[in-house]
Amino acid sequence: MQDKILELLRQSGGFVSGEYIGSKFNISRAAVGKYIARLRQLGYRIDAVSSKGYMFIDDNNVLSLDDIGIKNCVYLPEVDSTNLEAKRIAAEDFEDKLLIVCGRQTGGRGRLGRTWTDNGEDVCMSCLFKPDIPPVDVPALTLAAGLAVADALEELTGLSLGIKWPNDVILNGKKLVGILTEMSAEMDHINYAVTGIGINVNRQSFDGELKDKATSLAIELGHTLKRSEVIRRCVPRLYEYYDIFCAEGFAALADKYTKKCINIGKTVKAVYRNRTLTAYAKGVDTDGSLIADDTDGNEIKISSGEVSLRLENDKYI
């Protein structure tokens, strides 16, 4: 029934009242509302205006395995977290470079336990890897992933993107992409690494603390994009840089990453050895560490923790 309602809305080119839809398909207006809600959950944008009814906007948010077009992919219409799903899959045997994509994510999280949920407008995906590298090298995989996504999105949109060390892709001083890499490992062996990627694609606004800190491709471009196209552009580049990373280490990507790193030449606040300090970022090392000078002029290497960047308006991101 929902497919029939969707086709009716697509063909109408304008608003269709709930009463008309109900009479055409011999269902109640309450049932019409439920089918519309389900279509929205699947990613279809449908406007609802009192006294006018419903109008189909676009289907750029809709995802399916055919649309995604990536081999070795698991698609879930809705999931708590693609990273959690990746870990569940990793409990069994799996092939290297397994992509997990969802239509809607209800319980995702980013770095430092921050929540990352999506109502069917963004791209939420995780890549499950079996890298044959020392466990100590895995954190730099996050940097390689950030570089891959930034490069792919620039090619797709023509926008100029930067990376806030270690893993946030930034557009016009606001966060566009977040990346989280987790792993299961022994002392000298990696069982798996999972890199979760969240891209703000078609979200039109942000609430709370994200209101002035985050943006989306749709906001910056003035139009929506097909989420499937974003995935098709980003994942091959991610796999390309992953292969380079595993074969040659982060050193092979360090120069490209440094050119996009917006921390360089800026003041940062960093959690370093269990204390918060202000430092001047001056480079990225071949192992992915941020090289900076503290206020006493001592060179430090920050390999983990939270780093905030001071912008020209003295705000930090």
Protein backbone atom coordinates (compact mmCIF):
# COMPACT_ATOMS: atom_id res chain seq x y z
CA MET A 1 0.00 0.00 0.00
CA GLN A 2 2.77 2.44 0.84
CA ASP A 3 4.21 1.94 -2.66
CA LYS A 4 0.84 2.89 -4.19
CA ILE A 5 0.66 6.01 -2.02
CA LEU A 6 4.22 6.94 -2.94
CA GLU A 7 3.48 6.58 -6.67
CA LEU A 8 0.34 8.72 -6.31
CA LEU A 9 2.30 11.48 -4.59
CA ARG A 10 5.10 11.31 -7.16
CA GLN A 11 2.67 11.66 -10.08
CA SER A 12 0.58 14.43 -8.54
CA GLY A 13 3.21 17.17 -8.70
CA GLY A 14 1.56 18.93 -5.78
CA PHE A 15 -0.37 18.43 -2.58
CA VAL A 16 -2.78 15.52 -2.20
CA SER A 17 -5.19 15.49 0.72
CA GLY A 18 -5.21 12.63 3.19
CA GLU A 19 -8.95 12.35 2.60
CA TYR A 20 -8.44 11.80 -1.14
CA ILE A 21 -5.70 9.21 -0.56
CA GLY A 22 -7.88 7.39 1.93
CA SER A 23 -10.90 7.30 -0.38
CA LYS A 24 -8.83 6.20 -3.38
CA PHE A 25 -7.34 3.22 -1.57
CA ASN A 26 -10.25 2.59 0.80
CA ILE A 27 -8.25 3.15 3.98
CA SER A 28 -8.67 5.50 6.93
CA ARG A 29 -6.88 8.84 7.21
CA ALA A 30 -5.09 7.43 10.26
CA ALA A 31 -3.78 4.59 8.09
CA VAL A 32 -2.66 7.13 5.49
CA GLY A 33 -0.69 8.94 8.19
CA LYS A 34 1.01 5.69 9.25
CA TYR A 35 2.03 4.86 5.68
CA ILE A 36 3.39 8.39 5.20
CA ALA A 37 5.40 8.05 8.42
CA ARG A 38 6.84 4.76 7.21
CA LEU A 39 7.84 6.30 3.86
CA ARG A 40 9.63 9.08 5.71
CA GLN A 41 11.49 6.51 7.80
CA LEU A 42 12.69 4.96 4.55
CA GLY A 43 14.15 8.31 3.56
CA TYR A 44 11.49 9.85 1.32
CA ARG A 45 10.92 13.56 1.87
CA ILE A 46 7.19 14.23 2.04
CA ASP A 47 5.80 17.57 3.16
CA ALA A 48 2.59 17.77 5.18
CA VAL A 49 0.56 20.99 5.37
CA SER A 50 -2.72 21.36 7.23
CA SER A 51 -5.71 21.74 4.89
CA LYS A 52 -3.52 20.89 1.88
CA GLY A 53 -2.36 17.35 2.56
CA TYR A 54 0.90 15.67 1.50
CA MET A 55 3.42 16.49 -1.23
CA PHE A 56 6.36 14.43 -2.47
CA ILE A 57 9.65 16.40 -2.43
CA ASP A 58 12.43 14.04 -3.52
CA ASP A 59 13.94 10.61 -2.91
CA ASN A 60 17.57 11.64 -2.47
CA ASN A 61 17.56 10.16 1.03
CA VAL A 62 16.46 6.71 -0.08
CA LEU A 63 19.01 3.89 0.10
CA SER A 64 19.09 0.34 -1.19
CA LEU A 65 21.79 -2.19 -2.01
CA ASP A 66 21.27 -1.56 -5.73
CA ASP A 67 21.64 2.20 -5.29
CA ILE A 68 24.75 1.84 -3.12
CA GLY A 69 26.44 -0.43 -5.67
CA ILE A 70 29.37 -1.44 -3.45
CA LYS A 71 30.45 -5.08 -3.40
CA ASN A 72 30.61 -6.85 -0.03
CA CYS A 73 28.00 -4.57 1.54
CA VAL A 74 25.37 -5.08 4.25
CA TYR A 75 22.42 -2.67 4.15
CA LEU A 76 20.02 -2.22 7.07
CA PRO A 77 16.99 0.12 6.83
CA GLU A 78 17.41 0.92 10.53
CA VAL A 79 20.02 0.00 13.13
CA ASP A 80 21.19 1.16 16.53
CA SER A 81 24.74 1.75 15.29
CA THR A 82 26.65 0.65 12.21
CA ASN A 83 29.78 0.28 14.35
CA LEU A 84 27.93 -1.99 16.76
CA GLU A 85 26.56 -3.99 13.84
CA ALA A 86 30.09 -4.31 12.47
CA LYS A 87 31.28 -5.68 15.80
CA ARG A 88 28.43 -8.20 15.83
CA ILE A 89 29.41 -9.33 12.34
CA ALA A 90 33.09 -9.46 13.35
CA ALA A 91 32.24 -12.13 15.91
CA GLU A 92 31.91 -14.43 12.89
CA ASP A 93 34.26 -14.77 9.95
CA PHE A 94 34.22 -11.92 7.44
CA GLU A 95 36.11 -10.64 4.41
CA ASP A 96 38.37 -7.60 4.62
CA LYS A 97 36.63 -4.37 3.50
CA LEU A 98 33.05 -5.16 4.52
CA LEU A 99 30.76 -2.12 4.30
CA ILE A 100 27.79 -1.71 6.66
CA VAL A 101 25.30 1.02 5.72
CA CYS A 102 22.01 1.97 7.32
CA GLY A 103 19.04 4.02 6.22
CA ARG A 104 18.55 5.39 9.72
CA GLN A 105 20.74 5.18 12.85
CA THR A 106 19.18 5.44 16.30
CA GLY A 107 22.03 4.92 18.75
CA GLY A 108 25.34 5.74 17.16
CA ARG A 109 28.19 7.40 18.99
CA GLY A 110 31.24 9.41 18.09
CA ARG A 111 34.53 10.10 19.83
CA LEU A 112 34.53 10.45 23.63
CA GLY A 113 31.09 8.83 23.84
CA ARG A 114 29.21 11.61 22.03
CA THR A 115 25.94 10.53 20.40
CA TRP A 116 25.51 10.44 16.63
CA THR A 117 21.95 9.75 15.52
CA ASP A 118 20.31 10.21 12.14
CA ASN A 119 16.69 10.40 11.01
CA GLY A 120 17.36 9.20 7.49
CA GLU A 121 19.01 12.31 6.05
CA ASP A 122 22.71 11.60 6.58
CA VAL A 123 25.16 8.87 5.62
CA CYS A 124 25.96 6.54 8.50
CA MET A 125 28.27 3.70 7.57
CA SER A 126 31.06 1.54 8.96
CA CYS A 127 33.86 -0.34 7.24
CA LEU A 128 35.10 -3.56 8.78
CA PHE A 129 38.77 -4.25 8.17
CA LYS A 130 41.36 -6.98 8.79
CA PRO A 131 44.56 -4.96 8.52
CA ASP A 132 47.84 -6.84 8.72
CA ILE A 133 49.59 -4.09 10.68
CA PRO A 134 50.76 -3.63 14.30
CA PRO A 135 47.90 -2.62 16.64
CA VAL A 136 49.79 0.55 17.57
CA ASP A 137 49.35 1.81 13.99
CA VAL A 138 45.54 1.55 13.92
CA PRO A 139 44.76 5.05 15.31
CA ALA A 140 46.33 6.57 12.19
CA LEU A 141 43.76 4.67 10.10
CA THR A 142 41.27 7.28 11.30
CA LEU A 143 43.38 10.03 9.74
CA ALA A 144 43.61 8.12 6.45
CA ALA A 145 39.82 7.72 6.47
CA GLY A 146 39.29 11.43 7.08
CA LEU A 147 41.57 12.29 4.18
CA ALA A 148 39.78 9.84 1.89
CA VAL A 149 36.33 11.24 2.70
CA ALA A 150 37.49 14.85 2.36
CA ASP A 151 39.07 14.17 -1.04
CA ALA A 152 36.02 12.29 -2.31
CA LEU A 153 33.53 14.95 -1.17
CA GLU A 154 35.61 17.71 -2.75
CA GLU A 155 35.50 15.89 -6.07
CA LEU A 156 31.75 15.31 -5.76
CA THR A 157 30.72 18.82 -4.71
CA GLY A 158 33.51 21.21 -5.68
CA LEU A 159 33.58 22.49 -2.10
CA SER A 160 36.85 23.18 -0.30
CA LEU A 161 37.15 20.99 2.79
CA GLY A 162 39.65 20.81 5.62
CA ILE A 163 40.46 18.30 8.34
CA LYS A 164 40.64 19.17 12.03
CA TRP A 165 43.14 16.77 13.53
CA PRO A 166 42.64 13.92 13.92
CA ASN A 167 39.41 13.06 12.14
CA ASP A 168 36.77 15.79 11.72
CA VAL A 169 36.13 17.01 8.18
CA ILE A 170 35.38 20.73 8.36
CA LEU A 171 33.51 23.00 5.96
CA ASN A 172 33.39 26.77 6.49
CA GLY A 173 34.47 26.39 10.11
CA LYS A 174 31.80 23.80 10.92
CA LYS A 175 31.84 20.02 11.30
CA LEU A 176 30.63 18.08 8.28
CA VAL A 177 31.99 14.57 8.93
CA GLY A 178 32.88 12.62 12.05
CA ILE A 179 34.94 9.42 12.10
CA LEU A 180 35.51 6.86 14.82
CA THR A 181 37.84 3.85 14.54
CA GLU A 182 37.68 1.01 17.07
CA MET A 183 39.54 -2.28 17.15
CA SER A 184 39.80 -5.66 18.78
CA ALA A 185 43.39 -6.83 19.13
CA GLU A 186 45.87 -9.03 20.91
CA MET A 187 49.37 -7.86 21.83
CA ASP A 188 50.70 -8.31 18.31
CA HIS A 189 47.62 -9.16 16.24
CA ILE A 190 44.52 -7.28 15.13
CA ASN A 191 41.29 -9.27 15.13
CA TYR A 192 39.46 -6.46 13.37
CA ALA A 193 39.26 -2.69 13.03
CA VAL A 194 36.00 -0.88 12.33
CA THR A 195 35.90 2.67 11.03
CA GLY A 196 32.57 4.43 11.48
CA ILE A 197 31.83 7.43 9.27
CA GLY A 198 29.00 9.91 9.70
CA ILE A 199 28.45 12.49 6.94
CA ASN A 200 25.89 15.29 7.27
CA VAL A 201 24.30 15.14 3.83
CA ASN A 202 20.72 16.40 3.63
CA ARG A 203 20.05 17.63 7.16
CA GLN A 204 18.52 21.10 6.97
CA SER A 205 19.18 22.32 10.52
CA PHE A 206 20.89 21.44 13.80
CA ASP A 207 19.71 21.85 17.37
CA GLY A 208 21.38 22.48 20.71
CA GLU A 209 25.15 22.69 20.88
CA LEU A 210 25.44 21.61 17.22
CA LYS A 211 23.49 24.63 15.96
CA ASP A 212 26.61 26.76 15.49
CA LYS A 213 29.13 23.93 15.18
CA ALA A 214 27.84 21.64 12.43
CA THR A 215 26.73 21.93 8.82
CA SER A 216 25.59 19.68 5.99
CA LEU A 217 26.23 19.40 2.27
CA ALA A 218 22.63 20.43 1.57
CA ILE A 219 22.96 23.57 3.68
CA GLU A 220 26.20 24.59 1.97
CA LEU A 221 25.15 23.67 -1.58
CA GLY A 222 21.55 24.85 -1.39
CA HIS A 223 20.16 21.54 -2.61
CA THR A 224 19.98 17.92 -1.51
CA LEU A 225 22.16 15.09 -2.81
CA LYS A 226 21.54 11.42 -3.28
CA ARG A 227 22.99 9.66 -0.25
CA SER A 228 23.84 6.66 -2.42
CA GLU A 229 26.04 8.86 -4.65
CA VAL A 230 27.90 10.16 -1.59
CA ILE A 231 28.59 6.57 -0.52
CA ARG A 232 29.67 5.50 -4.01
CA ARG A 233 32.18 8.35 -4.13
CA CYS A 234 33.59 7.97 -0.61
CA VAL A 235 34.00 4.22 -0.18
CA PRO A 236 36.29 3.48 -3.17
CA ARG A 237 38.59 6.33 -2.10
CA LEU A 238 38.55 4.99 1.47
CA TYR A 239 39.58 1.54 0.25
CA GLU A 240 42.30 3.06 -1.96
CA TYR A 241 43.87 4.93 0.96
CA TYR A 242 43.41 1.91 3.23
CA ASP A 243 45.46 -0.21 0.86
CA ILE A 244 48.19 2.45 0.75
CA PHE A 245 48.09 2.75 4.55
CA CYS A 246 48.46 -1.01 5.07
CA ALA A 247 51.27 -1.35 2.49
CA GLU A 248 53.32 1.77 3.24
CA GLY A 249 52.07 3.19 6.54
CA PHE A 250 50.59 6.61 7.21
CA ALA A 251 53.87 8.19 6.06
CA ALA A 252 52.71 7.66 2.46
CA LEU A 253 49.66 9.85 3.09
CA ALA A 254 51.16 12.33 5.56
CA ASP A 255 51.92 15.08 3.02
CA LYS A 256 48.40 14.99 1.54
CA TYR A 257 46.90 14.98 5.01
CA THR A 258 49.05 17.90 6.21
CA LYS A 259 47.90 20.05 3.27
CA LYS A 260 44.29 19.60 4.39
CA CYS A 261 44.91 19.84 8.15
CA ILE A 262 43.48 23.17 9.33
CA ASN A 263 45.25 22.91 12.71
CA ILE A 264 48.61 23.73 11.15
CA GLY A 265 49.75 27.24 12.01
CA LYS A 266 46.92 27.69 14.52
CA THR A 267 46.47 27.74 18.28
CA VAL A 268 44.91 24.61 19.73
CA LYS A 269 43.71 23.43 23.10
CA ALA A 270 44.79 19.87 23.74
CA VAL A 271 44.48 17.21 26.39
CA TYR A 272 48.07 16.06 26.70
CA ARG A 273 49.35 13.64 29.36
CA ASN A 274 46.26 14.14 31.52
CA ARG A 275 46.41 17.92 31.46
CA THR A 276 44.83 20.57 29.25
CA LEU A 277 47.21 22.98 27.57
CA THR A 278 47.38 25.59 24.84
CA ALA A 279 49.82 24.94 22.02
CA TYR A 280 50.78 26.06 18.53
CA ALA A 281 50.30 23.30 15.95
CA LYS A 282 53.04 23.18 13.34
CA GLY A 283 52.84 19.82 11.59
CA VAL A 284 51.70 16.22 11.38
CA ASP A 285 54.28 13.48 11.90
CA THR A 286 54.62 10.42 9.68
CA ASP A 287 52.91 8.34 12.38
CA GLY A 288 49.90 10.67 12.42
CA SER A 289 50.78 12.56 15.60
CA LEU A 290 50.14 16.30 15.79
CA ILE A 291 53.40 18.19 16.31
CA ALA A 292 53.06 21.37 18.37
CA ASP A 293 54.96 23.80 20.57
CA ASP A 294 53.60 24.47 24.05
CA THR A 295 53.61 27.94 25.62
CA ASP A 296 57.15 27.35 26.93
CA GLY A 297 58.43 26.59 23.44
CA ASN A 298 58.79 22.86 24.05
CA GLU A 299 57.94 20.60 21.13
CA ILE A 300 55.31 18.01 21.92
CA LYS A 301 53.70 15.19 19.93
CA ILE A 302 50.01 14.64 20.53
CA SER A 303 48.96 11.16 19.47
CA SER A 304 45.55 10.92 21.15
CA GLY A 305 43.02 12.87 23.15
CA GLU A 306 40.79 15.86 22.46
CA VAL A 307 42.12 18.78 20.42
CA SER A 308 40.12 21.98 19.86
CA LEU A 309 41.06 24.55 17.24
CA ARG A 310 40.78 28.33 17.75
CA LEU A 311 39.17 30.12 14.83
CA GLU A 312 39.63 33.76 13.79
CA ASN A 313 36.59 34.79 15.85
CA ASP A 314 38.24 33.26 18.94
CA LYS A 315 35.70 30.44 19.00
CA TYR A 316 36.93 26.87 19.31
CA ILE A 317 35.79 23.87 17.30
